[in-house]
């Protein structure tokens, strides 16, 4: 066999695996549309009403899929953990509490360790659901409701290794998690609380976490001169590129930026430095609120081609300043 023939053979086999797994997902979709939502609805309803945790169990490849499903649930607002069925039978059943839900994964429905753990969980007051390709199996009969993935043809050439079946389980688990997320009203701000690290965490930081505040926030009174504003910004730690101008009531009146200063000097040669800043500041600037996401702040700065934006409280008083350079330094 030539190198080209070998490559073509590999490609054909790879495409066949993808075809088989895609077919399994297509059949899963048709099964749900064709009346297979009863078990799905039962799990969603139980999860939404659950006062404990949604515990996932499964053996081997199904267990690895179950661990991923559990991680997705936990990261999207549904308390969850993965319970190894073998360890459950040797003491880890103590992790379960009355009011928990148990979702057991087994394509055949005849996995010995899983089926032994289910009755023991029931005795602890745990409701049990099954995800299997055989609702009539032992696991299917033990469960309160079944998520049926159907009779799946595995993509393994010997039709033995779990491939298409675990793909179907994974996708159905994702569908379950996303429906529960939606019905909980779980939002981006909630997601941010569970993902504080890395690039994703930085994107989901709030404006309150990235803004300049306290001693780093230059706030000047309306009526002061442009020179007064320059002194205030030069004395502010971090040398911000803008100052916020407030009225006697503390509410924002405008913003004066480095860009405003450059244009003023170009136009007047510095003669206007003694004039009131009110005459040269930008009134009604684009503003942010502390609870907005940092990526929303970046979007606002980009859309309006500005480098700074004030952060206001509910009464219109400045509590912070967002600078584009600070956002860029965070990798946004």
C-alpha atoms as a PDB file:
ATOM      1  CA  UNK A   1       0.000   0.000   0.000  1.00  0.00           C
ATOM      2  CA  UNK A   2       1.415   3.375  -0.991  1.00  0.00           C
ATOM      3  CA  UNK A   3       1.560   6.351   1.329  1.00  0.00           C
ATOM      4  CA  UNK A   4      -1.283   7.951  -0.606  1.00  0.00           C
ATOM      5  CA  UNK A   5      -3.408   4.796  -0.333  1.00  0.00           C
ATOM      6  CA  UNK A   6      -2.748   4.648   3.416  1.00  0.00           C
ATOM      7  CA  UNK A   7      -3.806   8.267   3.876  1.00  0.00           C
ATOM      8  CA  UNK A   8      -6.980   7.720   1.828  1.00  0.00           C
ATOM      9  CA  UNK A   9      -7.841   4.646   3.901  1.00  0.00           C
ATOM     10  CA  UNK A  10      -7.393   6.553   7.150  1.00  0.00           C
ATOM     11  CA  UNK A  11      -9.541   9.390   5.888  1.00  0.00           C
ATOM     12  CA  UNK A  12     -12.296   7.002   4.843  1.00  0.00           C
ATOM     13  CA  UNK A  13     -12.290   5.315   8.249  1.00  0.00           C
ATOM     14  CA  UNK A  14     -12.292   8.649  10.083  1.00  0.00           C
ATOM     15  CA  UNK A  15     -15.201   9.907   7.991  1.00  0.00           C
ATOM     16  CA  UNK A  16     -17.113   6.700   8.676  1.00  0.00           C
ATOM     17  CA  UNK A  17     -16.708   7.175  12.423  1.00  0.00           C
ATOM     18  CA  UNK A  18     -17.995  10.722  12.137  1.00  0.00           C
ATOM     19  CA  UNK A  19     -20.900   9.558   9.971  1.00  0.00           C
ATOM     20  CA  UNK A  20     -21.937   6.901  12.478  1.00  0.00           C
ATOM     21  CA  UNK A  21     -21.752   9.281  15.429  1.00  0.00           C
ATOM     22  CA  UNK A  22     -23.631  11.998  13.537  1.00  0.00           C
ATOM     23  CA  UNK A  23     -26.323   9.437  12.688  1.00  0.00           C
ATOM     24  CA  UNK A  24     -26.622   8.551  16.382  1.00  0.00           C
ATOM     25  CA  UNK A  25     -27.209  12.208  17.223  1.00  0.00           C
ATOM     26  CA  UNK A  26     -29.728  12.598  14.422  1.00  0.00           C
ATOM     27  CA  UNK A  27     -31.665   9.597  15.728  1.00  0.00           C
ATOM     28  CA  UNK A  28     -31.483  11.011  19.264  1.00  0.00           C
ATOM     29  CA  UNK A  29     -32.972  14.279  18.026  1.00  0.00           C
ATOM     30  CA  UNK A  30     -35.767  12.451  16.213  1.00  0.00           C
ATOM     31  CA  UNK A  31     -36.471  10.373  19.323  1.00  0.00           C
ATOM     32  CA  UNK A  32     -36.962  13.493  21.447  1.00  0.00           C
ATOM     33  CA  UNK A  33     -39.182  15.106  18.824  1.00  0.00           C
ATOM     34  CA  UNK A  34     -41.147  11.889  18.432  1.00  0.00           C
ATOM     35  CA  UNK A  35     -42.339  11.644  22.015  1.00  0.00           C
ATOM     36  CA  UNK A  36     -39.175  10.902  23.979  1.00  0.00           C
ATOM     37  CA  UNK A  37     -39.413  14.010  26.163  1.00  0.00           C
ATOM     38  CA  UNK A  38     -41.247  12.381  29.070  1.00  0.00           C
ATOM     39  CA  UNK A  39     -38.084  11.260  30.823  1.00  0.00           C
ATOM     40  CA  UNK A  40     -36.261  14.456  29.883  1.00  0.00           C
ATOM     41  CA  UNK A  41     -39.028  16.612  31.344  1.00  0.00           C
ATOM     42  CA  UNK A  42     -39.063  14.503  34.509  1.00  0.00           C
ATOM     43  CA  UNK A  43     -35.348  15.066  35.105  1.00  0.00           C
ATOM     44  CA  UNK A  44     -35.584  18.809  34.401  1.00  0.00           C
ATOM     45  CA  UNK A  45     -38.555  19.218  36.752  1.00  0.00           C
ATOM     46  CA  UNK A  46     -36.841  17.224  39.485  1.00  0.00           C
ATOM     47  CA  UNK A  47     -33.588  19.175  39.096  1.00  0.00           C
ATOM     48  CA  UNK A  48     -35.372  22.515  39.342  1.00  0.00           C
ATOM     49  CA  UNK A  49     -37.199  21.403  42.481  1.00  0.00           C
ATOM     50  CA  UNK A  50     -34.163  19.684  44.027  1.00  0.00           C
ATOM     51  CA  UNK A  51     -32.948  21.017  47.366  1.00  0.00           C
ATOM     52  CA  UNK A  52     -29.823  18.871  47.269  1.00  0.00           C
ATOM     53  CA  UNK A  53     -27.380  17.958  44.517  1.00  0.00           C
ATOM     54  CA  UNK A  54     -27.754  16.275  41.148  1.00  0.00           C
ATOM     55  CA  UNK A  55     -25.341  13.365  41.484  1.00  0.00           C
ATOM     56  CA  UNK A  56     -24.055  11.577  38.377  1.00  0.00           C
ATOM     57  CA  UNK A  57     -22.771   8.002  38.352  1.00  0.00           C
ATOM     58  CA  UNK A  58     -21.531   5.637  35.692  1.00  0.00           C
ATOM     59  CA  UNK A  59     -18.786   3.093  35.085  1.00  0.00           C
ATOM     60  CA  UNK A  60     -15.928   3.196  32.589  1.00  0.00           C
ATOM     61  CA  UNK A  61     -16.445   5.432  29.547  1.00  0.00           C
ATOM     62  CA  UNK A  62     -19.987   6.266  30.668  1.00  0.00           C
ATOM     63  CA  UNK A  63     -18.526   7.377  33.988  1.00  0.00           C
ATOM     64  CA  UNK A  64     -16.094   9.728  32.244  1.00  0.00           C
ATOM     65  CA  UNK A  65     -19.010  11.234  30.325  1.00  0.00           C
ATOM     66  CA  UNK A  66     -20.964  11.484  33.567  1.00  0.00           C
ATOM     67  CA  UNK A  67     -18.091  13.365  35.189  1.00  0.00           C
ATOM     68  CA  UNK A  68     -18.163  15.896  32.347  1.00  0.00           C
ATOM     69  CA  UNK A  69     -21.952  16.292  32.569  1.00  0.00           C
ATOM     70  CA  UNK A  70     -21.634  16.879  36.306  1.00  0.00           C
ATOM     71  CA  UNK A  71     -18.953  19.531  35.727  1.00  0.00           C
ATOM     72  CA  UNK A  72     -21.178  21.311  33.200  1.00  0.00           C
ATOM     73  CA  UNK A  73     -24.121  21.283  35.599  1.00  0.00           C
ATOM     74  CA  UNK A  74     -22.029  22.596  38.491  1.00  0.00           C
ATOM     75  CA  UNK A  75     -20.582  25.429  36.395  1.00  0.00           C
ATOM     76  CA  UNK A  76     -24.022  26.544  35.245  1.00  0.00           C
ATOM     77  CA  UNK A  77     -25.857  26.816  38.537  1.00  0.00           C
ATOM     78  CA  UNK A  78     -26.892  23.238  39.375  1.00  0.00           C
ATOM     79  CA  UNK A  79     -24.981  21.814  42.377  1.00  0.00           C
ATOM     80  CA  UNK A  80     -23.555  18.485  41.223  1.00  0.00           C
ATOM     81  CA  UNK A  81     -20.776  15.957  41.735  1.00  0.00           C
ATOM     82  CA  UNK A  82     -19.703  12.696  40.137  1.00  0.00           C
ATOM     83  CA  UNK A  83     -19.953   9.523  42.246  1.00  0.00           C
ATOM     84  CA  UNK A  84     -17.972   6.464  41.155  1.00  0.00           C
ATOM     85  CA  UNK A  85     -20.327   3.482  41.536  1.00  0.00           C
ATOM     86  CA  UNK A  86     -17.591   1.134  42.753  1.00  0.00           C
ATOM     87  CA  UNK A  87     -16.456   3.578  45.430  1.00  0.00           C
ATOM     88  CA  UNK A  88     -20.102   4.228  46.307  1.00  0.00           C
ATOM     89  CA  UNK A  89     -20.460   0.585  47.309  1.00  0.00           C
ATOM     90  CA  UNK A  90     -17.466   0.897  49.602  1.00  0.00           C
ATOM     91  CA  UNK A  91     -18.415   3.947  51.635  1.00  0.00           C
ATOM     92  CA  UNK A  92     -18.924   6.850  49.242  1.00  0.00           C
ATOM     93  CA  UNK A  93     -22.698   6.414  49.449  1.00  0.00           C
ATOM     94  CA  UNK A  94     -22.194   8.542  52.561  1.00  0.00           C
ATOM     95  CA  UNK A  95     -21.817  11.505  50.214  1.00  0.00           C
ATOM     96  CA  UNK A  96     -25.516  11.233  49.332  1.00  0.00           C
ATOM     97  CA  UNK A  97     -28.226  12.979  51.281  1.00  0.00           C
ATOM     98  CA  UNK A  98     -31.987  12.705  51.284  1.00  0.00           C
ATOM     99  CA  UNK A  99     -33.265  15.130  48.683  1.00  0.00           C
ATOM    100  CA  UNK A 100     -30.416  14.500  46.242  1.00  0.00           C
ATOM    101  CA  UNK A 101     -31.061  13.208  42.717  1.00  0.00           C
ATOM    102  CA  UNK A 102     -29.046  10.410  41.139  1.00  0.00           C
ATOM    103  CA  UNK A 103     -28.617  10.182  37.357  1.00  0.00           C
ATOM    104  CA  UNK A 104     -27.104   6.812  36.442  1.00  0.00           C
ATOM    105  CA  UNK A 105     -25.466   6.299  33.023  1.00  0.00           C
ATOM    106  CA  UNK A 106     -25.183   2.887  31.369  1.00  0.00           C
ATOM    107  CA  UNK A 107     -25.776   2.150  27.700  1.00  0.00           C
ATOM    108  CA  UNK A 108     -26.648  -1.488  28.361  1.00  0.00           C
ATOM    109  CA  UNK A 109     -28.440  -0.790  31.622  1.00  0.00           C
ATOM    110  CA  UNK A 110     -26.788  -3.913  33.032  1.00  0.00           C
ATOM    111  CA  UNK A 111     -23.605  -2.476  34.558  1.00  0.00           C
ATOM    112  CA  UNK A 112     -23.245  -4.435  37.784  1.00  0.00           C
ATOM    113  CA  UNK A 113     -21.756  -1.699  39.963  1.00  0.00           C
ATOM    114  CA  UNK A 114     -24.292   0.890  38.836  1.00  0.00           C
ATOM    115  CA  UNK A 115     -27.267  -1.392  39.394  1.00  0.00           C
ATOM    116  CA  UNK A 116     -25.995  -2.309  42.847  1.00  0.00           C
ATOM    117  CA  UNK A 117     -25.595   1.345  43.832  1.00  0.00           C
ATOM    118  CA  UNK A 118     -29.099   2.403  42.756  1.00  0.00           C
ATOM    119  CA  UNK A 119     -31.163   0.487  45.363  1.00  0.00           C
ATOM    120  CA  UNK A 120     -28.732   1.555  48.083  1.00  0.00           C
ATOM    121  CA  UNK A 121     -29.191   5.192  47.025  1.00  0.00           C
ATOM    122  CA  UNK A 122     -32.960   4.776  47.111  1.00  0.00           C
ATOM    123  CA  UNK A 123     -32.778   3.632  50.717  1.00  0.00           C
ATOM    124  CA  UNK A 124     -31.152   6.969  51.531  1.00  0.00           C
ATOM    125  CA  UNK A 125     -34.120   8.883  50.118  1.00  0.00           C
ATOM    126  CA  UNK A 126     -32.539   9.676  46.751  1.00  0.00           C
ATOM    127  CA  UNK A 127     -34.644   9.840  43.583  1.00  0.00           C
ATOM    128  CA  UNK A 128     -33.079   7.904  40.681  1.00  0.00           C
ATOM    129  CA  UNK A 129     -33.062   8.548  36.931  1.00  0.00           C
ATOM    130  CA  UNK A 130     -31.367   6.549  34.205  1.00  0.00           C
ATOM    131  CA  UNK A 131     -29.655   7.439  30.937  1.00  0.00           C
ATOM    132  CA  UNK A 132     -29.498   4.276  28.866  1.00  0.00           C
ATOM    133  CA  UNK A 133     -30.065   2.810  25.440  1.00  0.00           C
ATOM    134  CA  UNK A 134     -32.281   0.072  26.864  1.00  0.00           C
ATOM    135  CA  UNK A 135     -35.217   1.318  28.957  1.00  0.00           C
ATOM    136  CA  UNK A 136     -36.326  -2.272  29.533  1.00  0.00           C
ATOM    137  CA  UNK A 137     -32.985  -3.114  31.209  1.00  0.00           C
ATOM    138  CA  UNK A 138     -32.419  -3.629  34.925  1.00  0.00           C
ATOM    139  CA  UNK A 139     -31.351  -0.001  35.327  1.00  0.00           C
ATOM    140  CA  UNK A 140     -34.338   1.213  33.352  1.00  0.00           C
ATOM    141  CA  UNK A 141     -36.688  -0.723  35.617  1.00  0.00           C
ATOM    142  CA  UNK A 142     -34.997   0.568  38.762  1.00  0.00           C
ATOM    143  CA  UNK A 143     -35.259   4.224  37.708  1.00  0.00           C
ATOM    144  CA  UNK A 144     -38.108   6.660  38.278  1.00  0.00           C
ATOM    145  CA  UNK A 145     -37.733   7.870  34.690  1.00  0.00           C
ATOM    146  CA  UNK A 146     -35.458   7.086  31.748  1.00  0.00           C
ATOM    147  CA  UNK A 147     -33.520   9.301  29.350  1.00  0.00           C
ATOM    148  CA  UNK A 148     -33.451   6.975  26.344  1.00  0.00           C
ATOM    149  CA  UNK A 149     -30.518   7.396  23.930  1.00  0.00           C
ATOM    150  CA  UNK A 150     -31.864   4.560  21.766  1.00  0.00           C
ATOM    151  CA  UNK A 151     -30.133   1.520  20.302  1.00  0.00           C
ATOM    152  CA  UNK A 152     -26.905   3.111  19.092  1.00  0.00           C
ATOM    153  CA  UNK A 153     -24.519   1.564  16.583  1.00  0.00           C
ATOM    154  CA  UNK A 154     -20.989   2.032  17.885  1.00  0.00           C
ATOM    155  CA  UNK A 155     -18.404   3.565  15.543  1.00  0.00           C
ATOM    156  CA  UNK A 156     -15.786   1.001  16.543  1.00  0.00           C
ATOM    157  CA  UNK A 157     -15.012  -1.381  13.598  1.00  0.00           C
ATOM    158  CA  UNK A 158     -15.881  -4.266  15.938  1.00  0.00           C
ATOM    159  CA  UNK A 159     -19.001  -2.368  17.117  1.00  0.00           C
ATOM    160  CA  UNK A 160     -17.789  -2.893  20.696  1.00  0.00           C
ATOM    161  CA  UNK A 161     -15.885   0.125  22.063  1.00  0.00           C
ATOM    162  CA  UNK A 162     -18.205   2.829  23.467  1.00  0.00           C
ATOM    163  CA  UNK A 163     -18.058   5.621  20.894  1.00  0.00           C
ATOM    164  CA  UNK A 164     -21.367   6.719  19.408  1.00  0.00           C
ATOM    165  CA  UNK A 165     -23.212   5.751  22.592  1.00  0.00           C
ATOM    166  CA  UNK A 166     -21.022   7.930  24.804  1.00  0.00           C
ATOM    167  CA  UNK A 167     -21.339  10.778  22.285  1.00  0.00           C
ATOM    168  CA  UNK A 168     -25.117  10.515  22.527  1.00  0.00           C
ATOM    169  CA  UNK A 169     -24.913  10.504  26.328  1.00  0.00           C
ATOM    170  CA  UNK A 170     -22.655  13.542  26.333  1.00  0.00           C
ATOM    171  CA  UNK A 171     -24.902  15.525  23.997  1.00  0.00           C
ATOM    172  CA  UNK A 172     -28.056  14.593  25.892  1.00  0.00           C
ATOM    173  CA  UNK A 173     -26.330  15.619  29.130  1.00  0.00           C
ATOM    174  CA  UNK A 174     -25.391  18.960  27.606  1.00  0.00           C
ATOM    175  CA  UNK A 175     -28.985  19.445  26.450  1.00  0.00           C
ATOM    176  CA  UNK A 176     -30.204  18.685  29.945  1.00  0.00           C
ATOM    177  CA  UNK A 177     -27.774  21.154  31.542  1.00  0.00           C
ATOM    178  CA  UNK A 178     -28.590  23.931  29.087  1.00  0.00           C
ATOM    179  CA  UNK A 179     -32.363  23.570  29.521  1.00  0.00           C
ATOM    180  CA  UNK A 180     -31.971  23.638  33.306  1.00  0.00           C
ATOM    181  CA  UNK A 181     -29.686  26.679  33.005  1.00  0.00           C
ATOM    182  CA  UNK A 182     -32.269  28.493  30.911  1.00  0.00           C
ATOM    183  CA  UNK A 183     -35.176  27.699  33.214  1.00  0.00           C
ATOM    184  CA  UNK A 184     -33.207  28.802  36.263  1.00  0.00           C
ATOM    185  CA  UNK A 185     -32.693  32.185  34.624  1.00  0.00           C
ATOM    186  CA  UNK A 186     -28.932  31.693  34.920  1.00  0.00           C
ATOM    187  CA  UNK A 187     -27.171  34.701  33.358  1.00  0.00           C
ATOM    188  CA  UNK A 188     -23.678  35.786  32.339  1.00  0.00           C
ATOM    189  CA  UNK A 189     -23.138  37.512  35.678  1.00  0.00           C
ATOM    190  CA  UNK A 190     -23.946  34.224  37.457  1.00  0.00           C
ATOM    191  CA  UNK A 191     -21.584  32.367  35.134  1.00  0.00           C
ATOM    192  CA  UNK A 192     -18.826  34.843  35.983  1.00  0.00           C
ATOM    193  CA  UNK A 193     -19.039  33.957  39.687  1.00  0.00           C
ATOM    194  CA  UNK A 194     -18.135  30.346  38.906  1.00  0.00           C
ATOM    195  CA  UNK A 195     -15.341  31.145  36.409  1.00  0.00           C
ATOM    196  CA  UNK A 196     -13.020  33.681  38.048  1.00  0.00           C
ATOM    197  CA  UNK A 197      -9.754  32.439  36.513  1.00  0.00           C
ATOM    198  CA  UNK A 198      -8.081  32.628  33.110  1.00  0.00           C
ATOM    199  CA  UNK A 199      -9.106  34.520  30.000  1.00  0.00           C
ATOM    200  CA  UNK A 200     -12.758  33.626  30.489  1.00  0.00           C
ATOM    201  CA  UNK A 201     -12.697  34.922  34.042  1.00  0.00           C
ATOM    202  CA  UNK A 202     -11.138  38.197  32.939  1.00  0.00           C
ATOM    203  CA  UNK A 203     -13.837  38.662  30.291  1.00  0.00           C
ATOM    204  CA  UNK A 204     -16.499  38.135  32.929  1.00  0.00           C
ATOM    205  CA  UNK A 205     -15.057  40.455  35.563  1.00  0.00           C
ATOM    206  CA  UNK A 206     -17.337  43.319  36.514  1.00  0.00           C
ATOM    207  CA  UNK A 207     -16.665  46.993  35.962  1.00  0.00           C
ATOM    208  CA  UNK A 208     -16.410  47.400  39.752  1.00  0.00           C
ATOM    209  CA  UNK A 209     -13.424  45.035  39.720  1.00  0.00           C
ATOM    210  CA  UNK A 210     -11.483  46.824  36.979  1.00  0.00           C
ATOM    211  CA  UNK A 211     -12.324  50.508  37.461  1.00  0.00           C
ATOM    212  CA  UNK A 212     -10.067  53.105  39.053  1.00  0.00           C
ATOM    213  CA  UNK A 213     -11.573  54.235  42.341  1.00  0.00           C
ATOM    214  CA  UNK A 214     -10.775  55.839  45.666  1.00  0.00           C
ATOM    215  CA  UNK A 215      -7.457  57.705  45.575  1.00  0.00           C
ATOM    216  CA  UNK A 216      -7.020  56.721  41.912  1.00  0.00           C
ATOM    217  CA  UNK A 217     -10.210  58.519  40.865  1.00  0.00           C
ATOM    218  CA  UNK A 218      -9.729  62.217  39.960  1.00  0.00           C
ATOM    219  CA  UNK A 219     -12.917  64.100  40.770  1.00  0.00           C
ATOM    220  CA  UNK A 220     -12.937  67.906  40.490  1.00  0.00           C
ATOM    221  CA  UNK A 221     -15.606  70.484  41.218  1.00  0.00           C
ATOM    222  CA  UNK A 222     -17.354  72.316  38.413  1.00  0.00           C
ATOM    223  CA  UNK A 223     -16.207  75.921  38.040  1.00  0.00           C
ATOM    224  CA  UNK A 224     -12.531  75.113  38.550  1.00  0.00           C
ATOM    225  CA  UNK A 225     -10.033  76.023  35.859  1.00  0.00           C
ATOM    226  CA  UNK A 226      -8.504  73.684  33.310  1.00  0.00           C
ATOM    227  CA  UNK A 227      -5.205  74.163  35.144  1.00  0.00           C
ATOM    228  CA  UNK A 228      -6.830  73.022  38.408  1.00  0.00           C
ATOM    229  CA  UNK A 229      -7.929  69.862  36.636  1.00  0.00           C
ATOM    230  CA  UNK A 230      -4.413  69.231  35.322  1.00  0.00           C
ATOM    231  CA  UNK A 231      -2.991  69.586  38.833  1.00  0.00           C
ATOM    232  CA  UNK A 232      -5.593  67.137  40.171  1.00  0.00           C
ATOM    233  CA  UNK A 233      -4.833  64.484  37.546  1.00  0.00           C
ATOM    234  CA  UNK A 234      -1.071  64.892  37.930  1.00  0.00           C
ATOM    235  CA  UNK A 235      -1.376  64.306  41.673  1.00  0.00           C
ATOM    236  CA  UNK A 236      -3.610  61.246  41.254  1.00  0.00           C
ATOM    237  CA  UNK A 237      -1.834  57.866  41.513  1.00  0.00           C
ATOM    238  CA  UNK A 238      -1.601  56.154  38.140  1.00  0.00           C
ATOM    239  CA  UNK A 239      -1.832  59.458  36.266  1.00  0.00           C
ATOM    240  CA  UNK A 240      -5.315  58.851  34.790  1.00  0.00           C
ATOM    241  CA  UNK A 241      -6.059  60.186  31.349  1.00  0.00           C
ATOM    242  CA  UNK A 242      -9.250  61.936  32.420  1.00  0.00           C
ATOM    243  CA  UNK A 243     -10.893  63.798  35.269  1.00  0.00           C
ATOM    244  CA  UNK A 244     -14.554  63.706  36.262  1.00  0.00           C
ATOM    245  CA  UNK A 245     -16.266  67.028  36.861  1.00  0.00           C
ATOM    246  CA  UNK A 246     -19.082  67.091  39.438  1.00  0.00           C
ATOM    247  CA  UNK A 247     -21.627  69.661  40.552  1.00  0.00           C
ATOM    248  CA  UNK A 248     -22.374  70.794  44.098  1.00  0.00           C
ATOM    249  CA  UNK A 249     -24.660  67.756  44.546  1.00  0.00           C
ATOM    250  CA  UNK A 250     -21.844  65.385  43.640  1.00  0.00           C
ATOM    251  CA  UNK A 251     -23.442  64.297  40.381  1.00  0.00           C
ATOM    252  CA  UNK A 252     -21.429  64.033  37.217  1.00  0.00           C
ATOM    253  CA  UNK A 253     -21.437  67.131  35.023  1.00  0.00           C
ATOM    254  CA  UNK A 254     -18.844  66.083  32.471  1.00  0.00           C
ATOM    255  CA  UNK A 255     -15.440  64.585  31.722  1.00  0.00           C
ATOM    256  CA  UNK A 256     -12.198  66.265  30.672  1.00  0.00           C
ATOM    257  CA  UNK A 257      -9.625  64.015  29.000  1.00  0.00           C
ATOM    258  CA  UNK A 258      -6.049  64.212  27.793  1.00  0.00           C
ATOM    259  CA  UNK A 259      -7.477  64.372  24.280  1.00  0.00           C
ATOM    260  CA  UNK A 260      -9.543  67.418  25.225  1.00  0.00           C
ATOM    261  CA  UNK A 261      -6.384  69.064  26.602  1.00  0.00           C
ATOM    262  CA  UNK A 262      -4.380  68.440  23.418  1.00  0.00           C
ATOM    263  CA  UNK A 263      -7.131  69.883  21.241  1.00  0.00           C
ATOM    264  CA  UNK A 264      -7.477  72.900  23.539  1.00  0.00           C
ATOM    265  CA  UNK A 265      -3.745  73.659  23.381  1.00  0.00           C
ATOM    266  CA  UNK A 266      -3.715  73.207  19.591  1.00  0.00           C
ATOM    267  CA  UNK A 267      -6.567  75.708  19.280  1.00  0.00           C
ATOM    268  CA  UNK A 268      -5.510  78.319  21.862  1.00  0.00           C
ATOM    269  CA  UNK A 269      -1.828  77.761  22.500  1.00  0.00           C
ATOM    270  CA  UNK A 270      -2.478  77.363  26.209  1.00  0.00           C
ATOM    271  CA  UNK A 271      -4.349  80.600  26.703  1.00  0.00           C
ATOM    272  CA  UNK A 272      -7.466  78.732  27.839  1.00  0.00           C
ATOM    273  CA  UNK A 273      -5.797  76.963  30.779  1.00  0.00           C
ATOM    274  CA  UNK A 274      -7.168  79.581  33.156  1.00  0.00           C
ATOM    275  CA  UNK A 275     -10.714  79.245  31.840  1.00  0.00           C
ATOM    276  CA  UNK A 276     -13.384  77.150  33.665  1.00  0.00           C
ATOM    277  CA  UNK A 277     -13.183  73.493  32.720  1.00  0.00           C
ATOM    278  CA  UNK A 278     -16.984  73.563  32.258  1.00  0.00           C
ATOM    279  CA  UNK A 279     -16.457  75.390  28.960  1.00  0.00           C
ATOM    280  CA  UNK A 280     -14.248  72.655  27.516  1.00  0.00           C
ATOM    281  CA  UNK A 281     -15.340  69.361  29.068  1.00  0.00           C
ATOM    282  CA  UNK A 282     -17.531  66.778  27.348  1.00  0.00           C
ATOM    283  CA  UNK A 283     -21.023  66.835  28.819  1.00  0.00           C
ATOM    284  CA  UNK A 284     -23.213  63.707  29.149  1.00  0.00           C
ATOM    285  CA  UNK A 285     -20.343  61.293  28.456  1.00  0.00           C
ATOM    286  CA  UNK A 286     -20.977  57.608  27.857  1.00  0.00           C
ATOM    287  CA  UNK A 287     -21.106  56.025  31.312  1.00  0.00           C
ATOM    288  CA  UNK A 288     -21.028  52.598  32.906  1.00  0.00           C
ATOM    289  CA  UNK A 289     -22.503  50.993  36.016  1.00  0.00           C
ATOM    290  CA  UNK A 290     -20.435  48.977  38.556  1.00  0.00           C
ATOM    291  CA  UNK A 291     -22.332  45.739  37.920  1.00  0.00           C
ATOM    292  CA  UNK A 292     -21.746  45.637  34.170  1.00  0.00           C
ATOM    293  CA  UNK A 293     -19.206  43.181  32.760  1.00  0.00           C
ATOM    294  CA  UNK A 294     -15.728  44.330  31.827  1.00  0.00           C
ATOM    295  CA  UNK A 295     -16.244  43.056  28.287  1.00  0.00           C
ATOM    296  CA  UNK A 296     -19.294  45.314  28.006  1.00  0.00           C
ATOM    297  CA  UNK A 297     -17.097  48.238  29.047  1.00  0.00           C
ATOM    298  CA  UNK A 298     -14.574  47.308  26.365  1.00  0.00           C
ATOM    299  CA  UNK A 299     -17.334  47.131  23.791  1.00  0.00           C
ATOM    300  CA  UNK A 300     -18.673  50.571  24.767  1.00  0.00           C
ATOM    301  CA  UNK A 301     -15.215  52.171  24.547  1.00  0.00           C
ATOM    302  CA  UNK A 302     -14.596  50.562  21.177  1.00  0.00           C
ATOM    303  CA  UNK A 303     -17.958  51.461  19.659  1.00  0.00           C
ATOM    304  CA  UNK A 304     -17.651  55.138  20.621  1.00  0.00           C
ATOM    305  CA  UNK A 305     -13.890  55.403  20.046  1.00  0.00           C
ATOM    306  CA  UNK A 306     -13.173  56.702  23.528  1.00  0.00           C
ATOM    307  CA  UNK A 307     -10.415  55.778  25.987  1.00  0.00           C
ATOM    308  CA  UNK A 308     -12.183  56.441  29.302  1.00  0.00           C
ATOM    309  CA  UNK A 309     -15.685  56.193  30.704  1.00  0.00           C
ATOM    310  CA  UNK A 310     -17.015  57.249  34.123  1.00  0.00           C
ATOM    311  CA  UNK A 311     -18.737  54.702  36.352  1.00  0.00           C
ATOM    312  CA  UNK A 312     -21.824  56.070  38.078  1.00  0.00           C
ATOM    313  CA  UNK A 313     -23.980  54.908  40.951  1.00  0.00           C
ATOM    314  CA  UNK A 314     -27.777  54.890  40.794  1.00  0.00           C
ATOM    315  CA  UNK A 315     -27.890  58.613  41.646  1.00  0.00           C
ATOM    316  CA  UNK A 316     -25.494  59.657  38.895  1.00  0.00           C
ATOM    317  CA  UNK A 317     -22.513  60.175  41.190  1.00  0.00           C
ATOM    318  CA  UNK A 318     -19.111  58.936  39.963  1.00  0.00           C
ATOM    319  CA  UNK A 319     -17.677  55.945  41.792  1.00  0.00           C
ATOM    320  CA  UNK A 320     -15.014  54.959  39.296  1.00  0.00           C
ATOM    321  CA  UNK A 321     -13.282  55.456  35.967  1.00  0.00           C
ATOM    322  CA  UNK A 322     -12.633  52.759  33.371  1.00  0.00           C
ATOM    323  CA  UNK A 323      -9.541  53.257  31.210  1.00  0.00           C
ATOM    324  CA  UNK A 324      -9.065  51.314  27.991  1.00  0.00           C
ATOM    325  CA  UNK A 325      -5.413  50.648  28.797  1.00  0.00           C
ATOM    326  CA  UNK A 326      -6.383  48.875  32.016  1.00  0.00           C
ATOM    327  CA  UNK A 327      -8.725  46.624  30.028  1.00  0.00           C
ATOM    328  CA  UNK A 328      -6.047  45.916  27.440  1.00  0.00           C
ATOM    329  CA  UNK A 329      -3.601  45.015  30.205  1.00  0.00           C
ATOM    330  CA  UNK A 330      -6.119  42.412  31.375  1.00  0.00           C
ATOM    331  CA  UNK A 331      -6.123  40.857  27.929  1.00  0.00           C
ATOM    332  CA  UNK A 332      -9.528  42.193  26.894  1.00  0.00           C
END
